[in-house]
Amino acid sequence: MISARWLRVFILMFFCLLLFVTACASNPPSRYSQIQKETTRRGAPPAVIKTAEQGSTFNKFFPGSTGAYNVIPAQEKKGFAEYKVNKDGKTVAMLSISDTLSVPAAAAKYKNSTEVLANYPIIDQGNTATGLLVSDRYQVKVLSRDPSFTRDDRVAWLQKFDLRGLAKLESTTASSSVPQSSKIPANSNSAPKLPRVLSPQPAT
């Protein structure tokens, strides 16, 4: 016959085991925590590399308000700056400058460009965005947010940026850090000659 003392010990051990099993079952490993663990391992690429330009540096290269269009800041972070273009109280377009050092694939897309604007390769990205690449590094993009803001409008607004000033940011050190795979081939015998884009009348 089991004594009362051993019975209490047995019951206590049973409840401890029950609590342990319940705790494990109610807290399964989170798949999000696993993803975070994997992405923060040593050697994982950072979201924005340290040598990327500060977003605040790009502000002076954006066009200002003109006519019926009001240009206002929207977002700024390392490697990126964005502005809204408002007309009659509605956002009709977004303007942005981004440093492609952190996203080489963004620069690589311009290798297939068949047009140039102000001597820079220009491409359409879908039906609502047009961008160009300055110094094989800085992507300047205009995104339509309203059907009335056409492709010609996007090209006209790309010309309003201070592209020459933006090109001067490119230093020898920065240039050497751009991945070779993302550089646009220059004066290559195999590269097709890029026709110039006809400059439309600036948007008013």
N, C-alpha and C. Protein backbone atom coordinates (compact mmCIF):
# COMPACT_ATOMS: atom_id res chain seq x y z
N MET A 1 0.84 -1.19 0.00
CA MET A 1 0.00 0.00 0.00
C MET A 1 0.88 1.25 0.00
N ILE A 2 0.58 2.22 -0.89
CA ILE A 2 1.39 3.43 -1.02
C ILE A 2 1.07 4.37 0.14
N SER A 3 2.13 4.81 0.79
CA SER A 3 1.94 5.73 1.91
C SER A 3 1.48 7.09 1.40
N ALA A 4 0.89 7.87 2.31
CA ALA A 4 0.41 9.20 1.95
C ALA A 4 1.54 10.09 1.49
N ARG A 5 2.74 9.90 2.07
CA ARG A 5 3.89 10.74 1.67
C ARG A 5 4.27 10.52 0.22
N TRP A 6 4.40 9.24 -0.18
CA TRP A 6 4.78 8.94 -1.55
C TRP A 6 3.68 9.31 -2.55
N LEU A 7 2.45 9.23 -2.08
CA LEU A 7 1.34 9.63 -2.94
C LEU A 7 1.40 11.12 -3.26
N ARG A 8 1.74 11.93 -2.27
CA ARG A 8 1.87 13.38 -2.50
C ARG A 8 3.02 13.68 -3.45
N VAL A 9 4.14 12.95 -3.29
CA VAL A 9 5.28 13.14 -4.20
C VAL A 9 4.91 12.78 -5.63
N PHE A 10 4.18 11.67 -5.76
CA PHE A 10 3.77 11.23 -7.09
C PHE A 10 2.85 12.25 -7.76
N ILE A 11 1.89 12.76 -6.98
CA ILE A 11 0.95 13.74 -7.53
C ILE A 11 1.68 15.02 -7.93
N LEU A 12 2.63 15.47 -7.11
CA LEU A 12 3.41 16.67 -7.41
C LEU A 12 4.21 16.51 -8.69
N MET A 13 4.86 15.36 -8.87
CA MET A 13 5.63 15.10 -10.08
C MET A 13 4.73 15.07 -11.32
N PHE A 14 3.52 14.49 -11.15
CA PHE A 14 2.58 14.39 -12.26
C PHE A 14 2.16 15.78 -12.74
N PHE A 15 1.84 16.68 -11.79
CA PHE A 15 1.44 18.03 -12.16
C PHE A 15 2.59 18.82 -12.78
N CYS A 16 3.80 18.62 -12.31
CA CYS A 16 4.97 19.31 -12.91
C CYS A 16 5.15 18.88 -14.36
N LEU A 17 5.02 17.56 -14.60
CA LEU A 17 5.16 17.05 -15.97
C LEU A 17 4.04 17.57 -16.86
N LEU A 18 2.83 17.64 -16.31
CA LEU A 18 1.69 18.14 -17.08
C LEU A 18 1.87 19.60 -17.47
N LEU A 19 2.38 20.44 -16.56
CA LEU A 19 2.62 21.84 -16.85
C LEU A 19 3.69 22.01 -17.92
N PHE A 20 4.72 21.18 -17.86
CA PHE A 20 5.82 21.25 -18.83
C PHE A 20 5.31 20.93 -20.23
N VAL A 21 4.55 19.85 -20.35
CA VAL A 21 4.03 19.44 -21.66
C VAL A 21 3.08 20.49 -22.22
N THR A 22 2.23 21.06 -21.36
CA THR A 22 1.28 22.08 -21.79
C THR A 22 1.98 23.33 -22.30
N ALA A 23 3.05 23.74 -21.60
CA ALA A 23 3.80 24.93 -22.00
C ALA A 23 4.46 24.74 -23.35
N CYS A 24 5.01 23.58 -23.60
CA CYS A 24 5.66 23.31 -24.88
C CYS A 24 4.65 23.30 -26.02
N ALA A 25 3.47 22.74 -25.76
CA ALA A 25 2.46 22.64 -26.81
C ALA A 25 1.85 23.98 -27.16
N SER A 26 1.77 24.89 -26.19
CA SER A 26 1.12 26.18 -26.43
C SER A 26 2.06 27.22 -26.99
N ASN A 27 3.35 26.95 -27.08
CA ASN A 27 4.32 27.92 -27.60
C ASN A 27 5.19 27.29 -28.67
N PRO A 28 4.63 26.95 -29.82
CA PRO A 28 5.44 26.38 -30.91
C PRO A 28 6.39 27.43 -31.47
N PRO A 29 7.51 27.01 -32.05
CA PRO A 29 8.46 27.95 -32.63
C PRO A 29 7.81 28.79 -33.71
N SER A 30 7.99 30.08 -33.67
CA SER A 30 7.41 30.98 -34.66
C SER A 30 8.23 30.93 -35.94
N ARG A 31 7.53 30.81 -37.09
CA ARG A 31 8.26 30.79 -38.36
C ARG A 31 8.89 32.14 -38.65
N TYR A 32 8.30 33.20 -38.07
CA TYR A 32 8.87 34.52 -38.27
C TYR A 32 10.16 34.68 -37.48
N SER A 33 10.18 34.11 -36.28
CA SER A 33 11.41 34.19 -35.50
C SER A 33 12.52 33.38 -36.14
N GLN A 34 12.13 32.27 -36.81
CA GLN A 34 13.13 31.46 -37.51
C GLN A 34 13.70 32.23 -38.69
N ILE A 35 12.83 32.92 -39.43
CA ILE A 35 13.29 33.71 -40.57
C ILE A 35 14.22 34.81 -40.10
N GLN A 36 13.84 35.46 -38.99
CA GLN A 36 14.68 36.53 -38.45
C GLN A 36 16.05 35.99 -38.04
N LYS A 37 16.04 34.79 -37.45
CA LYS A 37 17.29 34.18 -37.02
C LYS A 37 18.20 33.90 -38.21
N GLU A 38 17.58 33.40 -39.30
CA GLU A 38 18.37 33.08 -40.49
C GLU A 38 18.92 34.32 -41.16
N THR A 39 18.12 35.38 -41.21
CA THR A 39 18.55 36.59 -41.91
C THR A 39 19.54 37.42 -41.11
N THR A 40 19.67 37.15 -39.82
CA THR A 40 20.61 37.91 -39.01
C THR A 40 21.88 37.13 -38.72
N ARG A 41 22.02 35.98 -39.37
CA ARG A 41 23.26 35.22 -39.21
C ARG A 41 24.43 36.01 -39.79
N ARG A 42 25.61 35.67 -39.30
CA ARG A 42 26.81 36.34 -39.81
C ARG A 42 26.92 36.09 -41.30
N GLY A 43 27.19 37.16 -42.05
CA GLY A 43 27.34 37.05 -43.49
C GLY A 43 26.10 37.38 -44.26
N ALA A 44 24.95 37.51 -43.60
CA ALA A 44 23.72 37.89 -44.30
C ALA A 44 23.83 39.32 -44.79
N PRO A 45 23.45 39.62 -46.04
CA PRO A 45 23.60 40.97 -46.59
C PRO A 45 22.69 41.96 -45.90
N PRO A 46 23.17 43.17 -45.58
CA PRO A 46 22.32 44.18 -44.95
C PRO A 46 21.31 44.72 -45.94
N ALA A 47 20.21 45.26 -45.45
CA ALA A 47 19.17 45.81 -46.32
C ALA A 47 19.72 46.99 -47.12
N VAL A 48 20.50 47.86 -46.48
CA VAL A 48 21.13 49.00 -47.14
C VAL A 48 22.60 49.02 -46.74
N ILE A 49 23.49 49.00 -47.71
CA ILE A 49 24.90 48.93 -47.38
C ILE A 49 25.39 50.26 -46.83
N LYS A 50 26.47 50.20 -46.08
CA LYS A 50 26.96 51.38 -45.37
C LYS A 50 27.39 52.50 -46.31
N THR A 51 27.87 52.16 -47.50
CA THR A 51 28.37 53.18 -48.42
C THR A 51 27.26 53.83 -49.24
N ALA A 52 26.01 53.42 -49.05
CA ALA A 52 24.91 54.04 -49.78
C ALA A 52 24.77 55.51 -49.36
N GLU A 53 24.39 56.34 -50.31
CA GLU A 53 24.24 57.77 -50.06
C GLU A 53 23.07 58.02 -49.10
N GLN A 54 23.20 59.04 -48.27
CA GLN A 54 22.10 59.43 -47.40
C GLN A 54 20.95 60.00 -48.22
N GLY A 55 19.73 59.66 -47.86
CA GLY A 55 18.58 60.14 -48.60
C GLY A 55 18.49 61.65 -48.61
N SER A 56 18.92 62.29 -47.52
CA SER A 56 18.85 63.76 -47.43
C SER A 56 19.73 64.43 -48.48
N THR A 57 20.76 63.73 -48.95
CA THR A 57 21.65 64.29 -49.97
C THR A 57 20.92 64.51 -51.28
N PHE A 58 19.89 63.72 -51.54
CA PHE A 58 19.18 63.79 -52.82
C PHE A 58 18.19 64.95 -52.91
N ASN A 59 17.80 65.52 -51.77
CA ASN A 59 16.73 66.51 -51.76
C ASN A 59 16.96 67.69 -52.72
N LYS A 60 18.19 68.15 -52.78
CA LYS A 60 18.49 69.33 -53.59
C LYS A 60 18.41 69.07 -55.10
N PHE A 61 18.32 67.82 -55.49
CA PHE A 61 18.29 67.49 -56.92
C PHE A 61 16.86 67.32 -57.45
N PHE A 62 15.87 67.36 -56.57
CA PHE A 62 14.48 67.23 -57.00
C PHE A 62 13.98 68.55 -57.59
N PRO A 63 13.05 68.46 -58.53
CA PRO A 63 12.46 69.70 -59.07
C PRO A 63 11.53 70.33 -58.03
N GLY A 64 11.33 71.61 -58.16
CA GLY A 64 10.44 72.32 -57.25
C GLY A 64 9.04 72.42 -57.83
N SER A 65 8.16 73.02 -57.06
CA SER A 65 6.78 73.22 -57.51
C SER A 65 6.77 74.16 -58.72
N THR A 66 5.84 73.90 -59.63
CA THR A 66 5.75 74.73 -60.82
C THR A 66 4.32 74.75 -61.34
N GLY A 67 3.83 75.92 -61.72
CA GLY A 67 2.49 76.04 -62.26
C GLY A 67 1.44 75.48 -61.32
N ALA A 68 0.63 74.56 -61.85
CA ALA A 68 -0.43 73.95 -61.05
C ALA A 68 0.06 72.77 -60.22
N TYR A 69 1.34 72.43 -60.35
CA TYR A 69 1.89 71.27 -59.66
C TYR A 69 2.60 71.69 -58.37
N ASN A 70 2.29 71.00 -57.29
CA ASN A 70 2.91 71.24 -56.00
C ASN A 70 3.75 70.02 -55.62
N VAL A 71 5.06 70.22 -55.46
CA VAL A 71 5.97 69.12 -55.14
C VAL A 71 6.30 69.17 -53.65
N ILE A 72 6.00 68.09 -52.94
CA ILE A 72 6.21 68.05 -51.49
C ILE A 72 6.94 66.77 -51.09
N PRO A 73 7.79 66.82 -50.04
CA PRO A 73 8.51 65.63 -49.57
C PRO A 73 7.54 64.56 -49.10
N ALA A 74 7.87 63.29 -49.36
CA ALA A 74 7.02 62.19 -48.94
C ALA A 74 7.76 61.20 -48.05
N GLN A 75 9.00 60.88 -48.41
CA GLN A 75 9.74 59.87 -47.65
C GLN A 75 11.24 60.08 -47.84
N GLU A 76 12.00 59.80 -46.78
CA GLU A 76 13.46 59.92 -46.86
C GLU A 76 14.10 58.90 -45.93
N LYS A 77 15.03 58.14 -46.47
CA LYS A 77 15.79 57.18 -45.68
C LYS A 77 17.13 56.95 -46.37
N LYS A 78 18.00 56.21 -45.74
CA LYS A 78 19.32 55.99 -46.32
C LYS A 78 19.18 55.33 -47.69
N GLY A 79 19.79 55.96 -48.68
CA GLY A 79 19.76 55.42 -50.03
C GLY A 79 18.53 55.75 -50.84
N PHE A 80 17.60 56.57 -50.29
CA PHE A 80 16.34 56.79 -50.99
C PHE A 80 15.66 58.07 -50.53
N ALA A 81 15.07 58.79 -51.49
CA ALA A 81 14.24 59.96 -51.18
C ALA A 81 13.09 60.00 -52.18
N GLU A 82 11.92 60.43 -51.71
CA GLU A 82 10.73 60.42 -52.55
C GLU A 82 9.89 61.66 -52.30
N TYR A 83 9.30 62.20 -53.38
CA TYR A 83 8.45 63.37 -53.29
C TYR A 83 7.12 63.10 -54.00
N LYS A 84 6.07 63.79 -53.57
CA LYS A 84 4.77 63.72 -54.22
C LYS A 84 4.61 64.90 -55.17
N VAL A 85 3.89 64.67 -56.25
CA VAL A 85 3.50 65.75 -57.15
C VAL A 85 1.98 65.85 -57.07
N ASN A 86 1.50 66.93 -56.48
CA ASN A 86 0.06 67.14 -56.31
C ASN A 86 -0.47 68.17 -57.30
N LYS A 87 -1.69 67.94 -57.76
CA LYS A 87 -2.38 68.89 -58.62
C LYS A 87 -3.84 68.92 -58.23
N ASP A 88 -4.35 70.09 -57.96
CA ASP A 88 -5.74 70.25 -57.54
C ASP A 88 -6.07 69.39 -56.33
N GLY A 89 -5.11 69.31 -55.40
CA GLY A 89 -5.32 68.57 -54.16
C GLY A 89 -5.21 67.06 -54.29
N LYS A 90 -4.79 66.57 -55.46
CA LYS A 90 -4.68 65.13 -55.69
C LYS A 90 -3.26 64.77 -56.12
N THR A 91 -2.74 63.64 -55.61
CA THR A 91 -1.41 63.17 -56.00
C THR A 91 -1.48 62.54 -57.37
N VAL A 92 -0.77 63.14 -58.34
CA VAL A 92 -0.80 62.64 -59.71
C VAL A 92 0.47 61.89 -60.08
N ALA A 93 1.55 62.06 -59.28
CA ALA A 93 2.80 61.39 -59.59
C ALA A 93 3.69 61.34 -58.35
N MET A 94 4.65 60.41 -58.37
CA MET A 94 5.66 60.30 -57.33
C MET A 94 7.04 60.41 -58.00
N LEU A 95 7.93 61.16 -57.37
CA LEU A 95 9.30 61.32 -57.85
C LEU A 95 10.24 60.67 -56.85
N SER A 96 11.27 59.99 -57.33
CA SER A 96 12.20 59.36 -56.40
C SER A 96 13.61 59.31 -56.96
N ILE A 97 14.56 59.29 -56.04
CA ILE A 97 15.97 59.04 -56.35
C ILE A 97 16.43 57.95 -55.40
N SER A 98 17.06 56.91 -55.94
CA SER A 98 17.55 55.83 -55.09
C SER A 98 18.97 55.45 -55.47
N ASP A 99 19.74 55.04 -54.47
CA ASP A 99 21.11 54.58 -54.67
C ASP A 99 21.06 53.08 -54.90
N THR A 100 21.45 52.62 -56.09
CA THR A 100 21.33 51.21 -56.43
C THR A 100 22.48 50.36 -55.90
N LEU A 101 23.38 50.94 -55.11
CA LEU A 101 24.46 50.13 -54.54
C LEU A 101 23.90 48.97 -53.73
N SER A 102 22.78 49.21 -53.05
CA SER A 102 22.18 48.17 -52.23
C SER A 102 21.33 47.20 -53.05
N VAL A 103 20.94 47.61 -54.26
CA VAL A 103 20.11 46.76 -55.12
C VAL A 103 20.70 46.77 -56.53
N PRO A 104 21.78 46.04 -56.76
CA PRO A 104 22.43 46.04 -58.08
C PRO A 104 21.49 45.67 -59.21
N ALA A 105 20.49 44.85 -58.94
CA ALA A 105 19.56 44.43 -59.99
C ALA A 105 18.81 45.62 -60.57
N ALA A 106 18.59 46.65 -59.75
CA ALA A 106 17.88 47.84 -60.23
C ALA A 106 18.69 48.54 -61.30
N ALA A 107 20.01 48.58 -61.15
CA ALA A 107 20.87 49.20 -62.15
C ALA A 107 21.05 48.30 -63.37
N ALA A 108 21.08 47.00 -63.13
CA ALA A 108 21.31 46.05 -64.23
C ALA A 108 20.21 46.12 -65.28
N LYS A 109 18.99 46.50 -64.87
CA LYS A 109 17.87 46.58 -65.83
C LYS A 109 18.15 47.56 -66.95
N TYR A 110 18.99 48.56 -66.69
CA TYR A 110 19.24 49.60 -67.69
C TYR A 110 20.20 49.13 -68.78
N LYS A 111 20.78 47.95 -68.62
CA LYS A 111 21.64 47.42 -69.68
C LYS A 111 20.84 47.18 -70.97
N ASN A 112 19.56 46.92 -70.80
CA ASN A 112 18.70 46.63 -71.96
C ASN A 112 17.99 47.86 -72.49
N SER A 113 18.38 49.03 -72.02
CA SER A 113 17.73 50.26 -72.47
C SER A 113 18.00 50.50 -73.95
N THR A 114 16.97 50.94 -74.64
CA THR A 114 17.11 51.29 -76.07
C THR A 114 16.93 52.78 -76.30
N GLU A 115 16.82 53.55 -75.21
CA GLU A 115 16.65 54.99 -75.31
C GLU A 115 17.56 55.68 -74.29
N VAL A 116 17.88 56.92 -74.59
CA VAL A 116 18.64 57.72 -73.64
C VAL A 116 17.96 59.07 -73.47
N LEU A 117 18.15 59.66 -72.32
CA LEU A 117 17.64 60.99 -72.03
C LEU A 117 18.74 61.75 -71.33
N ALA A 118 19.17 62.87 -71.91
CA ALA A 118 20.29 63.64 -71.37
C ALA A 118 21.52 62.75 -71.22
N ASN A 119 21.71 61.86 -72.18
CA ASN A 119 22.84 60.93 -72.23
C ASN A 119 22.77 59.82 -71.17
N TYR A 120 21.64 59.66 -70.51
CA TYR A 120 21.48 58.60 -69.53
C TYR A 120 20.47 57.58 -70.04
N PRO A 121 20.72 56.27 -69.81
CA PRO A 121 19.76 55.25 -70.26
C PRO A 121 18.44 55.41 -69.53
N ILE A 122 17.37 55.22 -70.28
CA ILE A 122 16.02 55.40 -69.73
C ILE A 122 15.19 54.18 -70.08
N ILE A 123 14.35 53.72 -69.14
CA ILE A 123 13.49 52.57 -69.39
C ILE A 123 12.12 52.82 -68.75
N ASP A 124 11.11 52.16 -69.32
CA ASP A 124 9.79 52.14 -68.70
C ASP A 124 9.72 50.91 -67.80
N GLN A 125 9.09 51.09 -66.65
CA GLN A 125 8.91 49.99 -65.71
C GLN A 125 7.41 49.78 -65.55
N GLY A 126 6.89 48.86 -66.35
CA GLY A 126 5.45 48.70 -66.39
C GLY A 126 4.83 49.82 -67.21
N ASN A 127 3.56 50.07 -66.97
CA ASN A 127 2.84 51.10 -67.73
C ASN A 127 2.76 52.43 -67.01
N THR A 128 3.26 52.49 -65.77
CA THR A 128 3.08 53.71 -64.99
C THR A 128 4.37 54.33 -64.48
N ALA A 129 5.52 53.73 -64.76
CA ALA A 129 6.78 54.26 -64.23
C ALA A 129 7.83 54.36 -65.32
N THR A 130 8.61 55.42 -65.27
CA THR A 130 9.74 55.63 -66.17
C THR A 130 10.93 56.09 -65.35
N GLY A 131 12.08 55.49 -65.61
CA GLY A 131 13.26 55.85 -64.83
C GLY A 131 14.48 55.99 -65.71
N LEU A 132 15.49 56.62 -65.17
CA LEU A 132 16.79 56.70 -65.85
C LEU A 132 17.88 56.47 -64.80
N LEU A 133 19.06 56.12 -65.28
CA LEU A 133 20.17 55.78 -64.39
C LEU A 133 21.31 56.77 -64.60
N VAL A 134 21.70 57.45 -63.53
CA VAL A 134 22.77 58.44 -63.57
C VAL A 134 24.05 57.82 -63.02
N SER A 135 25.12 57.94 -63.78
CA SER A 135 26.44 57.47 -63.36
C SER A 135 26.45 55.99 -62.98
N ASP A 136 25.65 55.19 -63.68
CA ASP A 136 25.56 53.76 -63.43
C ASP A 136 25.18 53.44 -61.98
N ARG A 137 24.59 54.41 -61.27
CA ARG A 137 24.36 54.20 -59.85
C ARG A 137 23.03 54.76 -59.33
N TYR A 138 22.71 55.99 -59.66
CA TYR A 138 21.54 56.64 -59.07
C TYR A 138 20.33 56.52 -59.99
N GLN A 139 19.30 55.87 -59.49
CA GLN A 139 18.07 55.71 -60.28
C GLN A 139 17.11 56.86 -59.97
N VAL A 140 16.73 57.57 -61.01
CA VAL A 140 15.76 58.67 -60.91
C VAL A 140 14.48 58.17 -61.57
N LYS A 141 13.38 58.20 -60.84
CA LYS A 141 12.16 57.58 -61.36
C LYS A 141 10.95 58.47 -61.13
N VAL A 142 10.03 58.42 -62.10
CA VAL A 142 8.75 59.12 -62.00
C VAL A 142 7.65 58.09 -62.16
N LEU A 143 6.73 58.07 -61.21
CA LEU A 143 5.63 57.11 -61.20
C LEU A 143 4.30 57.84 -61.32
N SER A 144 3.51 57.46 -62.32
CA SER A 144 2.19 58.07 -62.49
C SER A 144 1.23 57.51 -61.45
N ARG A 145 0.47 58.40 -60.82
CA ARG A 145 -0.57 57.99 -59.88
C ARG A 145 -1.96 58.36 -60.38
N ASP A 146 -2.02 58.91 -61.57
CA ASP A 146 -3.29 59.31 -62.17
C ASP A 146 -3.18 59.11 -63.67
N PRO A 147 -4.24 58.62 -64.32
CA PRO A 147 -4.19 58.38 -65.77
C PRO A 147 -3.86 59.63 -66.58
N SER A 148 -4.17 60.80 -66.04
CA SER A 148 -3.89 62.04 -66.77
C SER A 148 -2.40 62.34 -66.84
N PHE A 149 -1.61 61.70 -65.99
CA PHE A 149 -0.16 61.92 -65.98
C PHE A 149 0.46 60.85 -66.88
N THR A 150 0.76 61.22 -68.11
CA THR A 150 1.16 60.28 -69.15
C THR A 150 2.66 60.00 -69.16
N ARG A 151 3.05 59.14 -70.08
CA ARG A 151 4.47 58.83 -70.24
C ARG A 151 5.27 60.07 -70.64
N ASP A 152 4.69 60.90 -71.52
CA ASP A 152 5.36 62.14 -71.90
C ASP A 152 5.56 63.05 -70.69
N ASP A 153 4.58 63.06 -69.79
CA ASP A 153 4.71 63.85 -68.57
C ASP A 153 5.86 63.31 -67.71
N ARG A 154 5.96 61.99 -67.62
CA ARG A 154 7.04 61.40 -66.81
C ARG A 154 8.41 61.77 -67.37
N VAL A 155 8.54 61.69 -68.69
CA VAL A 155 9.82 62.05 -69.32
C VAL A 155 10.13 63.53 -69.10
N ALA A 156 9.10 64.37 -69.21
CA ALA A 156 9.30 65.81 -68.99
C ALA A 156 9.76 66.08 -67.56
N TRP A 157 9.18 65.38 -66.60
CA TRP A 157 9.58 65.60 -65.21
C TRP A 157 10.95 65.01 -64.89
N LEU A 158 11.35 63.98 -65.57
CA LEU A 158 12.71 63.47 -65.39
C LEU A 158 13.73 64.54 -65.76
N GLN A 159 13.40 65.34 -66.77
CA GLN A 159 14.30 66.40 -67.21
C GLN A 159 14.36 67.57 -66.22
N LYS A 160 13.38 67.64 -65.33
CA LYS A 160 13.36 68.72 -64.35
C LYS A 160 14.33 68.47 -63.19
N PHE A 161 14.76 67.22 -63.00
CA PHE A 161 15.74 66.91 -61.96
C PHE A 161 17.09 67.54 -62.31
N ASP A 162 17.87 67.84 -61.30
CA ASP A 162 19.24 68.32 -61.53
C ASP A 162 20.13 67.10 -61.75
N LEU A 163 20.08 66.57 -62.96
CA LEU A 163 20.82 65.34 -63.27
C LEU A 163 22.33 65.57 -63.27
N ARG A 164 22.75 66.73 -63.72
CA ARG A 164 24.19 67.04 -63.71
C ARG A 164 24.72 67.10 -62.28
N GLY A 165 23.96 67.74 -61.42
CA GLY A 165 24.37 67.82 -60.02
C GLY A 165 24.42 66.45 -59.39
N LEU A 166 23.45 65.60 -59.70
CA LEU A 166 23.42 64.25 -59.16
C LEU A 166 24.61 63.44 -59.64
N ALA A 167 24.99 63.65 -60.90
CA ALA A 167 26.13 62.92 -61.45
C ALA A 167 27.43 63.26 -60.74
N LYS A 168 27.53 64.47 -60.21
CA LYS A 168 28.76 64.90 -59.52
C LYS A 168 28.94 64.21 -58.18
N LEU A 169 27.91 63.56 -57.66
CA LEU A 169 28.06 62.81 -56.41
C LEU A 169 28.97 61.61 -56.59
N GLU A 170 29.04 61.14 -57.82
CA GLU A 170 29.83 59.94 -58.10
C GLU A 170 31.31 60.23 -57.94
N SER A 171 31.94 59.60 -56.95
CA SER A 171 33.37 59.77 -56.72
C SER A 171 34.10 58.52 -57.20
N THR A 172 35.42 58.61 -57.26
CA THR A 172 36.22 57.45 -57.68
C THR A 172 36.01 56.28 -56.74
N THR A 173 35.96 56.57 -55.44
CA THR A 173 35.78 55.51 -54.46
C THR A 173 34.42 54.86 -54.60
N ALA A 174 33.39 55.69 -54.74
CA ALA A 174 32.04 55.17 -54.87
C ALA A 174 31.89 54.37 -56.14
N SER A 175 32.52 54.85 -57.22
CA SER A 175 32.41 54.17 -58.50
C SER A 175 33.01 52.79 -58.43
N SER A 176 34.13 52.66 -57.71
CA SER A 176 34.79 51.36 -57.62
C SER A 176 33.98 50.38 -56.82
N SER A 177 33.05 50.88 -55.99
CA SER A 177 32.25 49.98 -55.16
C SER A 177 31.00 49.49 -55.86
N VAL A 178 30.69 50.02 -57.05
CA VAL A 178 29.53 49.57 -57.80
C VAL A 178 29.85 48.22 -58.42
N PRO A 179 29.03 47.18 -58.21
CA PRO A 179 29.30 45.87 -58.78
C PRO A 179 29.44 45.95 -60.29
N GLN A 180 30.46 45.26 -60.82
CA GLN A 180 30.73 45.30 -62.25
C GLN A 180 29.54 44.80 -63.06
N SER A 181 28.78 43.85 -62.48
CA SER A 181 27.65 43.29 -63.20
C SER A 181 26.54 44.29 -63.43
N SER A 182 26.53 45.40 -62.64
CA SER A 182 25.46 46.36 -62.76
C SER A 182 25.82 47.56 -63.61
N LYS A 183 27.08 47.65 -64.06
CA LYS A 183 27.51 48.79 -64.84
C LYS A 183 26.99 48.71 -66.27
N ILE A 184 26.64 49.84 -66.82
CA ILE A 184 26.18 49.90 -68.20
C ILE A 184 27.39 49.92 -69.12
N PRO A 185 27.50 49.00 -70.08
CA PRO A 185 28.68 48.99 -70.96
C PRO A 185 28.76 50.27 -71.76
N ALA A 186 29.94 50.86 -71.79
CA ALA A 186 30.15 52.12 -72.53
C ALA A 186 31.15 51.88 -73.65
N ASN A 187 30.83 52.45 -74.86
CA ASN A 187 31.72 52.36 -76.01
C ASN A 187 32.08 50.91 -76.36
N SER A 188 31.15 50.01 -76.14
CA SER A 188 31.39 48.61 -76.46
C SER A 188 30.96 48.37 -77.91
N ASN A 189 31.79 47.61 -78.64
CA ASN A 189 31.49 47.34 -80.03
C ASN A 189 30.22 46.50 -80.17
N SER A 190 29.93 45.68 -79.12
CA SER A 190 28.77 44.81 -79.19
C SER A 190 27.51 45.48 -78.70
N ALA A 191 27.65 46.63 -78.06
CA ALA A 191 26.47 47.31 -77.52
C ALA A 191 25.82 48.16 -78.60
N PRO A 192 24.50 48.07 -78.74
CA PRO A 192 23.81 48.88 -79.76
C PRO A 192 23.85 50.35 -79.40
N LYS A 193 23.89 51.18 -80.42
CA LYS A 193 23.87 52.62 -80.19
C LYS A 193 22.48 53.04 -79.74
N LEU A 194 22.42 53.79 -78.65
CA LEU A 194 21.13 54.16 -78.08
C LEU A 194 20.61 55.44 -78.71
N PRO A 195 19.41 55.41 -79.30
CA PRO A 195 18.85 56.64 -79.87
C PRO A 195 18.38 57.57 -78.77
N ARG A 196 18.44 58.84 -79.04
CA ARG A 196 17.99 59.81 -78.05
C ARG A 196 16.46 59.85 -77.99
N VAL A 197 15.96 60.11 -76.80
CA VAL A 197 14.53 60.30 -76.62
C VAL A 197 14.20 61.73 -77.03
N LEU A 198 13.18 61.89 -77.83
CA LEU A 198 12.75 63.24 -78.18
C LEU A 198 12.19 63.92 -76.95
N SER A 199 12.66 65.11 -76.66
CA SER A 199 12.26 65.81 -75.45
C SER A 199 10.89 66.45 -75.63
N PRO A 200 9.89 66.02 -74.86
CA PRO A 200 8.56 66.65 -74.96
C PRO A 200 8.57 68.00 -74.29
N GLN A 201 7.51 68.76 -74.51
CA GLN A 201 7.40 70.06 -73.85
C GLN A 201 7.23 69.83 -72.35
N PRO A 202 7.92 70.61 -71.52
CA PRO A 202 7.77 70.45 -70.07
C PRO A 202 6.33 70.60 -69.65
N ALA A 203 5.97 69.79 -68.61
CA ALA A 203 4.60 69.87 -68.09
C ALA A 203 4.37 71.21 -67.42
N THR A 204 3.20 71.78 -67.63
CA THR A 204 2.88 73.07 -67.05
C THR A 204 1.68 72.94 -66.12
